Amino acid sequence: DSRWGVDGYVNLRKSFGDLNFNLGVNAMYLRGKYIEVDEPLYDDEYRMLAGKDNDLFWLYEAEGLFTSDADASSATPQSWGAVQEGDIQYVDYNTDGVVDEKDIHTLDEYHAPRLFFGLNLSLEYKGLGLNIWGQGVADGYMMASNSSYFWINGTNQNYSELMLDRYPQTMDYPRLTTSSNNNYQRSTFWLKKAGYLR
């Protein structure tokens, strides 16, 4: 593997009479690439790790949700049982006529966060102090926890309140089902922007 990046820290201290002010900011930007990988020699180069960024997501590419049973029945077959209106539709990436594990691939724009940052602010006035800290990430995505939001393990667990926004109420989440694993595949459907400051 090859990894590279840059990081730095800047700190500013000022006093205005009895008010002391301190602001610090740090940031780190990281990248990496697989160089040599002991892996099978796939016929399809897109399935190889070597030469790819090591923070890319390997997943199915989702086209959205089926909006009718007719759309679902006329679509390329997907490997997790019968699909219907409200299920996730996936791209047949290698165009072999079926969506299966050979369609898992990377997309350059979908990677884990690459920018990490933090800040701290402190104010002091006549012995009284205030400290504020923050941290965050940017330039990347995260995989939404469909196992905790959407996939229920056992009979003693309730669905998340987010499931009130499932299909057909919105297009934000697929229909609920216990008879198919189609909607539980790792895919672009579950990727969300990962930027935050807290």
N, C-alpha and C. Protein backbone atom coordinates (compact mmCIF):
# COMPACT_ATOMS: atom_id res chain seq x y z
N ASP A 1 0.83 -1.19 0.00
CA ASP A 1 0.00 0.00 0.00
C ASP A 1 0.87 1.25 0.00
N SER A 2 0.34 2.28 -0.56
CA SER A 2 0.99 3.59 -0.52
C SER A 2 0.03 4.57 0.14
N ARG A 3 0.51 5.30 1.11
CA ARG A 3 -0.33 6.28 1.81
C ARG A 3 0.39 7.62 1.84
N TRP A 4 -0.38 8.68 1.72
CA TRP A 4 0.19 10.01 1.79
C TRP A 4 -0.87 10.96 2.32
N GLY A 5 -0.40 12.12 2.76
CA GLY A 5 -1.33 13.11 3.28
C GLY A 5 -0.57 14.31 3.81
N VAL A 6 -1.31 15.17 4.43
CA VAL A 6 -0.73 16.38 5.01
C VAL A 6 -1.54 16.72 6.25
N ASP A 7 -0.86 17.22 7.26
CA ASP A 7 -1.59 17.66 8.45
C ASP A 7 -0.91 18.89 9.02
N GLY A 8 -1.62 19.62 9.81
CA GLY A 8 -1.08 20.84 10.39
C GLY A 8 -1.93 21.35 11.54
N TYR A 9 -1.35 22.30 12.27
CA TYR A 9 -2.02 22.89 13.43
C TYR A 9 -1.67 24.36 13.48
N VAL A 10 -2.66 25.18 13.72
CA VAL A 10 -2.46 26.62 13.85
C VAL A 10 -3.09 27.06 15.15
N ASN A 11 -2.39 27.88 15.90
CA ASN A 11 -2.90 28.37 17.17
C ASN A 11 -2.73 29.88 17.25
N LEU A 12 -3.76 30.56 17.70
CA LEU A 12 -3.74 32.03 17.82
C LEU A 12 -4.09 32.39 19.25
N ARG A 13 -3.21 33.22 19.88
CA ARG A 13 -3.48 33.70 21.24
C ARG A 13 -3.47 35.22 21.23
N LYS A 14 -4.48 35.79 21.85
CA LYS A 14 -4.59 37.25 21.92
C LYS A 14 -5.15 37.63 23.28
N SER A 15 -4.80 38.82 23.70
CA SER A 15 -5.36 39.39 24.92
C SER A 15 -5.91 40.77 24.60
N PHE A 16 -7.08 41.04 25.15
CA PHE A 16 -7.71 42.35 25.00
C PHE A 16 -8.08 42.82 26.40
N GLY A 17 -7.15 43.48 27.06
CA GLY A 17 -7.37 43.88 28.46
C GLY A 17 -7.42 42.64 29.33
N ASP A 18 -8.55 42.46 30.03
CA ASP A 18 -8.72 41.31 30.92
C ASP A 18 -9.21 40.06 30.19
N LEU A 19 -9.45 40.18 28.89
CA LEU A 19 -9.96 39.05 28.12
C LEU A 19 -8.81 38.34 27.41
N ASN A 20 -8.63 37.07 27.71
CA ASN A 20 -7.64 36.23 27.03
C ASN A 20 -8.37 35.30 26.06
N PHE A 21 -7.84 35.21 24.84
CA PHE A 21 -8.51 34.50 23.76
C PHE A 21 -7.51 33.52 23.14
N ASN A 22 -7.94 32.29 22.94
CA ASN A 22 -7.08 31.29 22.31
C ASN A 22 -7.92 30.48 21.31
N LEU A 23 -7.43 30.38 20.07
CA LEU A 23 -8.11 29.61 19.03
C LEU A 23 -7.10 28.68 18.38
N GLY A 24 -7.39 27.40 18.36
CA GLY A 24 -6.53 26.42 17.72
C GLY A 24 -7.31 25.62 16.70
N VAL A 25 -6.70 25.36 15.54
CA VAL A 25 -7.33 24.58 14.48
C VAL A 25 -6.31 23.56 13.98
N ASN A 26 -6.74 22.31 13.85
CA ASN A 26 -5.88 21.29 13.27
C ASN A 26 -6.64 20.56 12.16
N ALA A 27 -5.91 20.09 11.18
CA ALA A 27 -6.53 19.38 10.07
C ALA A 27 -5.57 18.34 9.52
N MET A 28 -6.15 17.27 8.95
CA MET A 28 -5.36 16.21 8.34
C MET A 28 -6.11 15.72 7.10
N TYR A 29 -5.40 15.61 6.00
CA TYR A 29 -5.96 15.09 4.76
C TYR A 29 -5.19 13.83 4.40
N LEU A 30 -5.91 12.71 4.19
CA LEU A 30 -5.27 11.40 3.96
C LEU A 30 -5.73 10.79 2.65
N ARG A 31 -4.79 10.16 1.99
CA ARG A 31 -5.09 9.37 0.78
C ARG A 31 -4.25 8.10 0.83
N GLY A 32 -4.66 7.12 0.06
CA GLY A 32 -3.90 5.88 -0.01
C GLY A 32 -4.31 5.08 -1.23
N LYS A 33 -3.43 4.18 -1.65
CA LYS A 33 -3.69 3.38 -2.85
C LYS A 33 -3.10 1.98 -2.65
N TYR A 34 -3.85 0.97 -3.13
CA TYR A 34 -3.32 -0.38 -3.14
C TYR A 34 -2.32 -0.49 -4.29
N ILE A 35 -1.11 -0.95 -4.00
CA ILE A 35 -0.08 -1.08 -5.03
C ILE A 35 0.02 -2.53 -5.49
N GLU A 36 0.44 -3.40 -4.59
CA GLU A 36 0.53 -4.83 -4.90
C GLU A 36 -0.37 -5.58 -3.93
N VAL A 37 -1.25 -6.40 -4.47
CA VAL A 37 -2.22 -7.12 -3.65
C VAL A 37 -2.21 -8.59 -4.04
N ASP A 38 -2.14 -9.46 -3.05
CA ASP A 38 -2.24 -10.90 -3.30
C ASP A 38 -3.73 -11.22 -3.45
N GLU A 39 -4.20 -11.26 -4.67
CA GLU A 39 -5.62 -11.45 -4.95
C GLU A 39 -5.80 -12.32 -6.19
N PRO A 40 -6.99 -12.90 -6.35
CA PRO A 40 -7.23 -13.71 -7.56
C PRO A 40 -7.11 -12.86 -8.82
N LEU A 41 -6.73 -13.48 -9.91
CA LEU A 41 -6.66 -12.78 -11.19
C LEU A 41 -8.02 -12.85 -11.87
N TYR A 42 -8.84 -11.86 -11.59
CA TYR A 42 -10.17 -11.82 -12.18
C TYR A 42 -10.08 -11.47 -13.66
N ASP A 43 -11.03 -11.99 -14.42
CA ASP A 43 -11.11 -11.62 -15.84
C ASP A 43 -11.49 -10.15 -15.99
N ASP A 44 -12.29 -9.66 -15.05
CA ASP A 44 -12.75 -8.27 -15.09
C ASP A 44 -11.84 -7.41 -14.23
N GLU A 45 -11.14 -6.48 -14.85
CA GLU A 45 -10.16 -5.65 -14.13
C GLU A 45 -10.81 -4.81 -13.03
N TYR A 46 -12.07 -4.44 -13.21
CA TYR A 46 -12.73 -3.58 -12.22
C TYR A 46 -12.87 -4.27 -10.86
N ARG A 47 -12.70 -5.59 -10.83
CA ARG A 47 -12.82 -6.33 -9.57
C ARG A 47 -11.50 -6.41 -8.81
N MET A 48 -10.43 -5.90 -9.39
CA MET A 48 -9.10 -5.98 -8.77
C MET A 48 -8.88 -4.81 -7.80
N LEU A 49 -8.21 -5.09 -6.69
CA LEU A 49 -7.86 -4.05 -5.72
C LEU A 49 -6.66 -3.22 -6.19
N ALA A 50 -5.66 -3.88 -6.76
CA ALA A 50 -4.41 -3.20 -7.12
C ALA A 50 -4.67 -1.98 -8.00
N GLY A 51 -4.06 -0.86 -7.60
CA GLY A 51 -4.20 0.37 -8.36
C GLY A 51 -5.35 1.26 -7.93
N LYS A 52 -6.18 0.77 -7.02
CA LYS A 52 -7.34 1.55 -6.59
C LYS A 52 -7.07 2.23 -5.25
N ASP A 53 -7.76 3.34 -5.01
CA ASP A 53 -7.69 3.99 -3.70
C ASP A 53 -8.20 3.04 -2.64
N ASN A 54 -7.56 3.05 -1.47
CA ASN A 54 -7.93 2.08 -0.44
C ASN A 54 -9.09 2.54 0.44
N ASP A 55 -9.65 3.71 0.15
CA ASP A 55 -10.80 4.16 0.93
C ASP A 55 -12.10 4.14 0.12
N LEU A 56 -12.08 3.50 -1.04
CA LEU A 56 -13.29 3.41 -1.87
C LEU A 56 -14.24 2.36 -1.32
N PHE A 57 -15.53 2.58 -1.50
CA PHE A 57 -16.53 1.60 -1.11
C PHE A 57 -16.71 0.58 -2.23
N TRP A 58 -16.73 -0.69 -1.87
CA TRP A 58 -17.03 -1.78 -2.80
C TRP A 58 -18.49 -2.15 -2.58
N LEU A 59 -19.32 -1.94 -3.62
CA LEU A 59 -20.74 -2.11 -3.42
C LEU A 59 -21.49 -2.22 -4.74
N TYR A 60 -22.77 -2.48 -4.63
CA TYR A 60 -23.64 -2.46 -5.79
C TYR A 60 -24.05 -1.02 -6.06
N GLU A 61 -24.25 -0.71 -7.32
CA GLU A 61 -24.72 0.62 -7.71
C GLU A 61 -26.24 0.58 -7.81
N ALA A 62 -26.91 1.37 -6.99
CA ALA A 62 -28.36 1.39 -6.96
C ALA A 62 -28.90 2.43 -7.94
N GLU A 63 -29.95 2.06 -8.65
CA GLU A 63 -30.61 3.00 -9.56
C GLU A 63 -31.79 3.69 -8.91
N GLY A 64 -32.16 3.27 -7.72
CA GLY A 64 -33.32 3.82 -7.04
C GLY A 64 -34.26 2.69 -6.65
N LEU A 65 -35.53 3.02 -6.48
CA LEU A 65 -36.54 2.03 -6.12
C LEU A 65 -37.43 1.72 -7.31
N PHE A 66 -37.85 0.48 -7.41
CA PHE A 66 -38.86 0.15 -8.41
C PHE A 66 -40.15 0.88 -8.06
N THR A 67 -40.76 1.55 -9.03
CA THR A 67 -41.97 2.32 -8.75
C THR A 67 -43.24 1.60 -9.17
N SER A 68 -43.10 0.42 -9.73
CA SER A 68 -44.27 -0.41 -10.06
C SER A 68 -43.84 -1.86 -10.16
N ASP A 69 -44.79 -2.77 -9.98
CA ASP A 69 -44.49 -4.19 -10.12
C ASP A 69 -44.11 -4.53 -11.56
N ALA A 70 -44.66 -3.77 -12.52
CA ALA A 70 -44.31 -4.00 -13.93
C ALA A 70 -42.84 -3.69 -14.16
N ASP A 71 -42.34 -2.58 -13.58
CA ASP A 71 -40.91 -2.25 -13.68
C ASP A 71 -40.06 -3.36 -13.07
N ALA A 72 -40.48 -3.84 -11.92
CA ALA A 72 -39.71 -4.88 -11.22
C ALA A 72 -39.67 -6.18 -12.02
N SER A 73 -40.79 -6.56 -12.61
CA SER A 73 -40.83 -7.83 -13.33
C SER A 73 -40.10 -7.78 -14.67
N SER A 74 -39.94 -6.58 -15.25
CA SER A 74 -39.25 -6.48 -16.54
C SER A 74 -37.77 -6.13 -16.40
N ALA A 75 -37.30 -5.93 -15.17
CA ALA A 75 -35.91 -5.53 -14.93
C ALA A 75 -34.98 -6.73 -15.00
N THR A 76 -33.68 -6.44 -15.09
CA THR A 76 -32.66 -7.48 -15.02
C THR A 76 -32.83 -8.25 -13.72
N PRO A 77 -32.83 -9.59 -13.76
CA PRO A 77 -33.00 -10.38 -12.53
C PRO A 77 -31.92 -10.03 -11.49
N GLN A 78 -32.33 -9.97 -10.23
CA GLN A 78 -31.43 -9.71 -9.11
C GLN A 78 -31.38 -10.96 -8.25
N SER A 79 -30.24 -11.23 -7.65
CA SER A 79 -29.94 -12.56 -7.09
C SER A 79 -30.54 -12.87 -5.73
N TRP A 80 -31.42 -12.05 -5.21
CA TRP A 80 -31.88 -12.26 -3.83
C TRP A 80 -33.38 -12.52 -3.77
N GLY A 81 -33.90 -13.18 -4.76
CA GLY A 81 -35.32 -13.51 -4.76
C GLY A 81 -36.13 -12.53 -5.59
N ALA A 82 -37.43 -12.79 -5.63
CA ALA A 82 -38.33 -11.95 -6.42
C ALA A 82 -38.35 -10.53 -5.87
N VAL A 83 -38.41 -9.55 -6.77
CA VAL A 83 -38.50 -8.15 -6.37
C VAL A 83 -39.86 -7.60 -6.77
N GLN A 84 -40.23 -6.51 -6.12
CA GLN A 84 -41.50 -5.87 -6.43
C GLN A 84 -41.41 -4.38 -6.19
N GLU A 85 -42.50 -3.70 -6.43
CA GLU A 85 -42.56 -2.25 -6.23
C GLU A 85 -42.04 -1.89 -4.84
N GLY A 86 -41.16 -0.89 -4.79
CA GLY A 86 -40.60 -0.46 -3.51
C GLY A 86 -39.27 -1.09 -3.17
N ASP A 87 -38.81 -2.09 -3.93
CA ASP A 87 -37.50 -2.70 -3.71
C ASP A 87 -36.42 -1.88 -4.42
N ILE A 88 -35.18 -2.04 -3.97
CA ILE A 88 -34.05 -1.35 -4.59
C ILE A 88 -33.70 -2.02 -5.92
N GLN A 89 -33.50 -1.20 -6.94
CA GLN A 89 -33.06 -1.71 -8.25
C GLN A 89 -31.56 -1.44 -8.38
N TYR A 90 -30.81 -2.48 -8.78
CA TYR A 90 -29.36 -2.38 -8.90
C TYR A 90 -28.94 -2.42 -10.37
N VAL A 91 -27.77 -1.83 -10.64
CA VAL A 91 -27.21 -1.81 -11.98
C VAL A 91 -26.53 -3.13 -12.28
N ASP A 92 -26.79 -3.67 -13.45
CA ASP A 92 -26.07 -4.85 -13.94
C ASP A 92 -24.76 -4.33 -14.54
N TYR A 93 -23.78 -4.11 -13.68
CA TYR A 93 -22.56 -3.39 -14.06
C TYR A 93 -21.80 -4.08 -15.18
N ASN A 94 -21.71 -5.40 -15.13
CA ASN A 94 -20.94 -6.11 -16.16
C ASN A 94 -21.84 -6.58 -17.32
N THR A 95 -23.09 -6.19 -17.31
CA THR A 95 -24.05 -6.47 -18.39
C THR A 95 -24.11 -7.95 -18.79
N ASP A 96 -24.08 -8.85 -17.79
CA ASP A 96 -24.17 -10.27 -18.10
C ASP A 96 -25.59 -10.81 -17.95
N GLY A 97 -26.55 -9.92 -17.70
CA GLY A 97 -27.94 -10.34 -17.65
C GLY A 97 -28.45 -10.74 -16.28
N VAL A 98 -27.64 -10.57 -15.24
CA VAL A 98 -28.07 -10.86 -13.88
C VAL A 98 -27.28 -9.96 -12.92
N VAL A 99 -27.93 -9.49 -11.87
CA VAL A 99 -27.24 -8.72 -10.84
C VAL A 99 -26.80 -9.71 -9.77
N ASP A 100 -25.48 -9.86 -9.62
CA ASP A 100 -24.92 -10.77 -8.63
C ASP A 100 -23.61 -10.19 -8.12
N GLU A 101 -22.84 -11.02 -7.38
CA GLU A 101 -21.60 -10.51 -6.75
C GLU A 101 -20.58 -9.99 -7.76
N LYS A 102 -20.71 -10.37 -9.02
CA LYS A 102 -19.78 -9.86 -10.04
C LYS A 102 -20.07 -8.42 -10.42
N ASP A 103 -21.16 -7.87 -9.92
CA ASP A 103 -21.49 -6.47 -10.20
C ASP A 103 -21.03 -5.53 -9.09
N ILE A 104 -20.40 -6.07 -8.06
CA ILE A 104 -19.84 -5.22 -7.00
C ILE A 104 -18.62 -4.51 -7.58
N HIS A 105 -18.56 -3.21 -7.41
CA HIS A 105 -17.45 -2.42 -7.96
C HIS A 105 -17.29 -1.13 -7.17
N THR A 106 -16.30 -0.35 -7.54
CA THR A 106 -16.07 0.94 -6.90
C THR A 106 -16.49 2.06 -7.85
N LEU A 107 -16.80 3.20 -7.26
CA LEU A 107 -17.04 4.43 -8.00
C LEU A 107 -16.15 5.49 -7.35
N ASP A 108 -15.37 6.18 -8.14
CA ASP A 108 -14.36 7.10 -7.59
C ASP A 108 -14.92 8.14 -6.64
N GLU A 109 -16.17 8.56 -6.86
CA GLU A 109 -16.71 9.62 -6.01
C GLU A 109 -17.17 9.12 -4.65
N TYR A 110 -17.29 7.79 -4.48
CA TYR A 110 -17.78 7.25 -3.21
C TYR A 110 -16.64 6.66 -2.40
N HIS A 111 -16.15 7.42 -1.47
CA HIS A 111 -15.03 7.01 -0.62
C HIS A 111 -15.28 7.48 0.80
N ALA A 112 -14.56 6.90 1.74
CA ALA A 112 -14.64 7.32 3.14
C ALA A 112 -14.09 8.74 3.27
N PRO A 113 -14.41 9.43 4.35
CA PRO A 113 -13.90 10.80 4.53
C PRO A 113 -12.38 10.86 4.45
N ARG A 114 -11.90 11.92 3.81
CA ARG A 114 -10.45 12.12 3.65
C ARG A 114 -9.93 13.32 4.44
N LEU A 115 -10.81 14.18 4.86
CA LEU A 115 -10.41 15.38 5.61
C LEU A 115 -10.94 15.26 7.03
N PHE A 116 -10.03 15.36 7.99
CA PHE A 116 -10.37 15.29 9.41
C PHE A 116 -9.88 16.59 10.06
N PHE A 117 -10.69 17.19 10.91
CA PHE A 117 -10.29 18.47 11.48
C PHE A 117 -10.83 18.63 12.89
N GLY A 118 -10.24 19.53 13.60
CA GLY A 118 -10.68 19.84 14.95
C GLY A 118 -10.41 21.29 15.27
N LEU A 119 -11.09 21.79 16.27
CA LEU A 119 -10.84 23.17 16.70
C LEU A 119 -11.09 23.26 18.19
N ASN A 120 -10.41 24.22 18.79
CA ASN A 120 -10.66 24.51 20.19
C ASN A 120 -10.61 26.02 20.39
N LEU A 121 -11.50 26.49 21.21
CA LEU A 121 -11.62 27.91 21.50
C LEU A 121 -11.70 28.06 23.01
N SER A 122 -10.87 28.92 23.54
CA SER A 122 -10.96 29.18 24.98
C SER A 122 -10.96 30.69 25.22
N LEU A 123 -11.80 31.09 26.14
CA LEU A 123 -11.91 32.49 26.55
C LEU A 123 -11.76 32.54 28.06
N GLU A 124 -11.02 33.53 28.54
CA GLU A 124 -10.87 33.71 29.99
C GLU A 124 -11.02 35.18 30.30
N TYR A 125 -11.87 35.47 31.29
CA TYR A 125 -12.09 36.87 31.68
C TYR A 125 -12.16 36.94 33.19
N LYS A 126 -11.15 37.57 33.78
CA LYS A 126 -11.08 37.77 35.22
C LYS A 126 -11.33 36.48 36.00
N GLY A 127 -10.63 35.42 35.58
CA GLY A 127 -10.71 34.14 36.29
C GLY A 127 -11.86 33.23 35.88
N LEU A 128 -12.73 33.73 35.03
CA LEU A 128 -13.84 32.93 34.52
C LEU A 128 -13.46 32.41 33.15
N GLY A 129 -13.64 31.11 32.91
CA GLY A 129 -13.19 30.52 31.64
C GLY A 129 -14.29 29.81 30.89
N LEU A 130 -14.15 29.79 29.58
CA LEU A 130 -15.06 29.06 28.69
C LEU A 130 -14.22 28.32 27.67
N ASN A 131 -14.42 27.03 27.55
CA ASN A 131 -13.70 26.20 26.58
C ASN A 131 -14.69 25.52 25.65
N ILE A 132 -14.42 25.56 24.36
CA ILE A 132 -15.25 24.90 23.35
C ILE A 132 -14.35 24.07 22.46
N TRP A 133 -14.72 22.79 22.27
CA TRP A 133 -13.97 21.91 21.40
C TRP A 133 -14.90 21.41 20.29
N GLY A 134 -14.34 21.16 19.16
CA GLY A 134 -15.12 20.60 18.06
C GLY A 134 -14.25 19.70 17.20
N GLN A 135 -14.89 18.77 16.53
CA GLN A 135 -14.17 17.90 15.60
C GLN A 135 -15.11 17.57 14.45
N GLY A 136 -14.53 17.20 13.33
CA GLY A 136 -15.38 16.89 12.20
C GLY A 136 -14.62 16.19 11.09
N VAL A 137 -15.37 15.81 10.06
CA VAL A 137 -14.82 15.19 8.87
C VAL A 137 -15.51 15.81 7.65
N ALA A 138 -14.88 15.67 6.50
CA ALA A 138 -15.45 16.18 5.25
C ALA A 138 -14.86 15.39 4.10
N ASP A 139 -15.35 15.68 2.90
CA ASP A 139 -14.87 15.06 1.68
C ASP A 139 -14.99 13.54 1.73
N GLY A 140 -16.22 13.06 1.90
CA GLY A 140 -16.40 11.62 1.90
C GLY A 140 -17.82 11.21 2.24
N TYR A 141 -18.02 9.90 2.26
CA TYR A 141 -19.32 9.30 2.52
C TYR A 141 -19.21 8.29 3.65
N MET A 142 -20.35 7.90 4.17
CA MET A 142 -20.43 6.82 5.14
C MET A 142 -21.57 5.88 4.71
N MET A 143 -21.46 4.64 5.12
CA MET A 143 -22.50 3.67 4.85
C MET A 143 -23.51 3.76 5.99
N ALA A 144 -24.75 4.13 5.67
CA ALA A 144 -25.79 4.19 6.70
C ALA A 144 -25.98 2.79 7.28
N SER A 145 -26.23 2.73 8.57
CA SER A 145 -26.35 1.43 9.23
C SER A 145 -27.69 0.81 8.92
N ASN A 146 -27.83 0.25 7.74
CA ASN A 146 -29.12 -0.33 7.41
C ASN A 146 -29.45 -1.51 8.31
N SER A 147 -28.45 -2.09 8.97
CA SER A 147 -28.75 -3.19 9.89
C SER A 147 -29.50 -2.70 11.12
N SER A 148 -29.20 -1.49 11.61
CA SER A 148 -29.91 -1.00 12.79
C SER A 148 -31.12 -0.16 12.43
N TYR A 149 -31.10 0.54 11.29
CA TYR A 149 -32.25 1.34 10.89
C TYR A 149 -33.33 0.51 10.22
N PHE A 150 -32.93 -0.52 9.52
CA PHE A 150 -33.84 -1.17 8.59
C PHE A 150 -33.99 -2.66 8.80
N TRP A 151 -32.90 -3.32 9.17
CA TRP A 151 -32.90 -4.78 9.27
C TRP A 151 -33.10 -5.18 10.72
N ILE A 152 -34.14 -5.89 11.00
CA ILE A 152 -34.47 -6.27 12.37
C ILE A 152 -33.98 -7.69 12.64
N ASN A 153 -33.24 -7.84 13.73
CA ASN A 153 -32.71 -9.15 14.12
C ASN A 153 -33.55 -9.71 15.27
N GLY A 154 -34.38 -10.65 14.97
CA GLY A 154 -35.21 -11.26 16.01
C GLY A 154 -36.57 -10.59 16.12
N THR A 155 -37.35 -11.06 17.08
CA THR A 155 -38.72 -10.57 17.22
C THR A 155 -38.89 -9.57 18.36
N ASN A 156 -37.84 -9.33 19.13
CA ASN A 156 -37.96 -8.43 20.27
C ASN A 156 -37.45 -7.03 19.99
N GLN A 157 -37.25 -6.71 18.75
CA GLN A 157 -36.70 -5.40 18.39
C GLN A 157 -37.70 -4.67 17.49
N ASN A 158 -37.88 -3.39 17.76
CA ASN A 158 -38.76 -2.57 16.94
C ASN A 158 -38.00 -1.94 15.80
N TYR A 159 -38.71 -1.64 14.73
CA TYR A 159 -38.10 -0.89 13.64
C TYR A 159 -37.83 0.53 14.10
N SER A 160 -36.83 1.14 13.50
CA SER A 160 -36.53 2.54 13.78
C SER A 160 -37.68 3.41 13.32
N GLU A 161 -37.84 4.55 13.96
CA GLU A 161 -38.86 5.52 13.56
C GLU A 161 -38.66 6.00 12.12
N LEU A 162 -37.41 5.93 11.66
CA LEU A 162 -37.12 6.31 10.27
C LEU A 162 -37.93 5.49 9.28
N MET A 163 -38.31 4.29 9.67
CA MET A 163 -39.05 3.43 8.76
C MET A 163 -40.46 3.94 8.46
N LEU A 164 -40.91 4.94 9.21
CA LEU A 164 -42.18 5.57 8.86
C LEU A 164 -42.07 6.28 7.52
N ASP A 165 -40.84 6.58 7.10
CA ASP A 165 -40.60 7.26 5.82
C ASP A 165 -40.25 6.28 4.70
N ARG A 166 -40.59 5.02 4.87
CA ARG A 166 -40.27 4.02 3.85
C ARG A 166 -41.23 4.16 2.66
N TYR A 167 -40.90 3.43 1.60
CA TYR A 167 -41.79 3.38 0.44
C TYR A 167 -43.13 2.77 0.86
N PRO A 168 -44.27 3.30 0.46
CA PRO A 168 -44.52 4.33 -0.55
C PRO A 168 -44.67 5.74 0.00
N GLN A 169 -44.46 5.95 1.32
CA GLN A 169 -44.57 7.32 1.85
C GLN A 169 -43.55 8.24 1.21
N THR A 170 -42.30 7.76 1.09
CA THR A 170 -41.23 8.52 0.43
C THR A 170 -40.37 7.53 -0.35
N MET A 171 -39.40 8.06 -1.06
CA MET A 171 -38.42 7.21 -1.77
C MET A 171 -37.13 7.10 -0.95
N ASP A 172 -37.15 7.51 0.32
CA ASP A 172 -35.94 7.51 1.15
C ASP A 172 -35.52 6.12 1.60
N TYR A 173 -36.49 5.23 1.79
CA TYR A 173 -36.20 3.88 2.23
C TYR A 173 -37.05 2.90 1.43
N PRO A 174 -36.52 1.71 1.16
CA PRO A 174 -37.31 0.71 0.42
C PRO A 174 -38.45 0.17 1.28
N ARG A 175 -39.29 -0.60 0.64
CA ARG A 175 -40.40 -1.22 1.38
C ARG A 175 -39.84 -2.19 2.41
N LEU A 176 -40.61 -2.41 3.46
CA LEU A 176 -40.21 -3.39 4.46
C LEU A 176 -40.60 -4.78 3.99
N THR A 177 -39.71 -5.73 4.22
CA THR A 177 -39.99 -7.11 3.85
C THR A 177 -39.17 -8.05 4.72
N THR A 178 -39.71 -9.21 4.98
CA THR A 178 -38.97 -10.26 5.68
C THR A 178 -38.73 -11.45 4.76
N SER A 179 -39.14 -11.33 3.50
CA SER A 179 -39.06 -12.48 2.60
C SER A 179 -37.96 -12.36 1.54
N SER A 180 -37.19 -11.28 1.57
CA SER A 180 -36.14 -11.09 0.56
C SER A 180 -34.98 -10.31 1.15
N ASN A 181 -33.76 -10.68 0.74
CA ASN A 181 -32.57 -9.95 1.16
C ASN A 181 -32.18 -8.85 0.17
N ASN A 182 -32.99 -8.62 -0.82
CA ASN A 182 -32.66 -7.66 -1.88
C ASN A 182 -32.30 -6.28 -1.32
N ASN A 183 -33.06 -5.79 -0.38
CA ASN A 183 -32.87 -4.41 0.10
C ASN A 183 -31.77 -4.27 1.14
N TYR A 184 -31.15 -5.37 1.52
CA TYR A 184 -30.12 -5.34 2.54
C TYR A 184 -28.71 -5.41 1.97
N GLN A 185 -28.57 -5.30 0.67
CA GLN A 185 -27.24 -5.38 0.05
C GLN A 185 -26.49 -4.07 0.25
N ARG A 186 -25.20 -4.17 0.39
CA ARG A 186 -24.33 -2.99 0.51
C ARG A 186 -24.32 -2.29 -0.85
N SER A 187 -24.89 -1.08 -0.89
CA SER A 187 -25.04 -0.40 -2.18
C SER A 187 -25.00 1.11 -2.01
N THR A 188 -24.94 1.79 -3.14
CA THR A 188 -24.93 3.26 -3.12
C THR A 188 -26.22 3.82 -2.54
N PHE A 189 -27.28 3.02 -2.50
CA PHE A 189 -28.53 3.49 -1.91
C PHE A 189 -28.33 3.91 -0.46
N TRP A 190 -27.44 3.19 0.25
CA TRP A 190 -27.25 3.42 1.68
C TRP A 190 -26.12 4.39 1.99
N LEU A 191 -25.47 4.96 0.97
CA LEU A 191 -24.39 5.92 1.22
C LEU A 191 -24.96 7.29 1.53
N LYS A 192 -24.37 7.94 2.52
CA LYS A 192 -24.76 9.29 2.91
C LYS A 192 -23.51 10.15 3.04
N LYS A 193 -23.64 11.43 2.74
CA LYS A 193 -22.53 12.36 2.95
C LYS A 193 -22.10 12.31 4.39
N ALA A 194 -20.79 12.27 4.62
CA ALA A 194 -20.28 12.05 5.99
C ALA A 194 -19.82 13.33 6.66
N GLY A 195 -19.94 14.48 6.02
CA GLY A 195 -19.45 15.71 6.63
C GLY A 195 -20.19 16.09 7.88
N TYR A 196 -19.45 16.44 8.92
CA TYR A 196 -20.09 16.93 10.14
C TYR A 196 -19.09 17.75 10.95
N LEU A 197 -19.60 18.55 11.85
CA LEU A 197 -18.81 19.24 12.87
C LEU A 197 -19.61 19.13 14.15
N ARG A 198 -18.97 18.58 15.16
CA ARG A 198 -19.69 18.44 16.43
C ARG A 198 -18.80 18.83 17.61
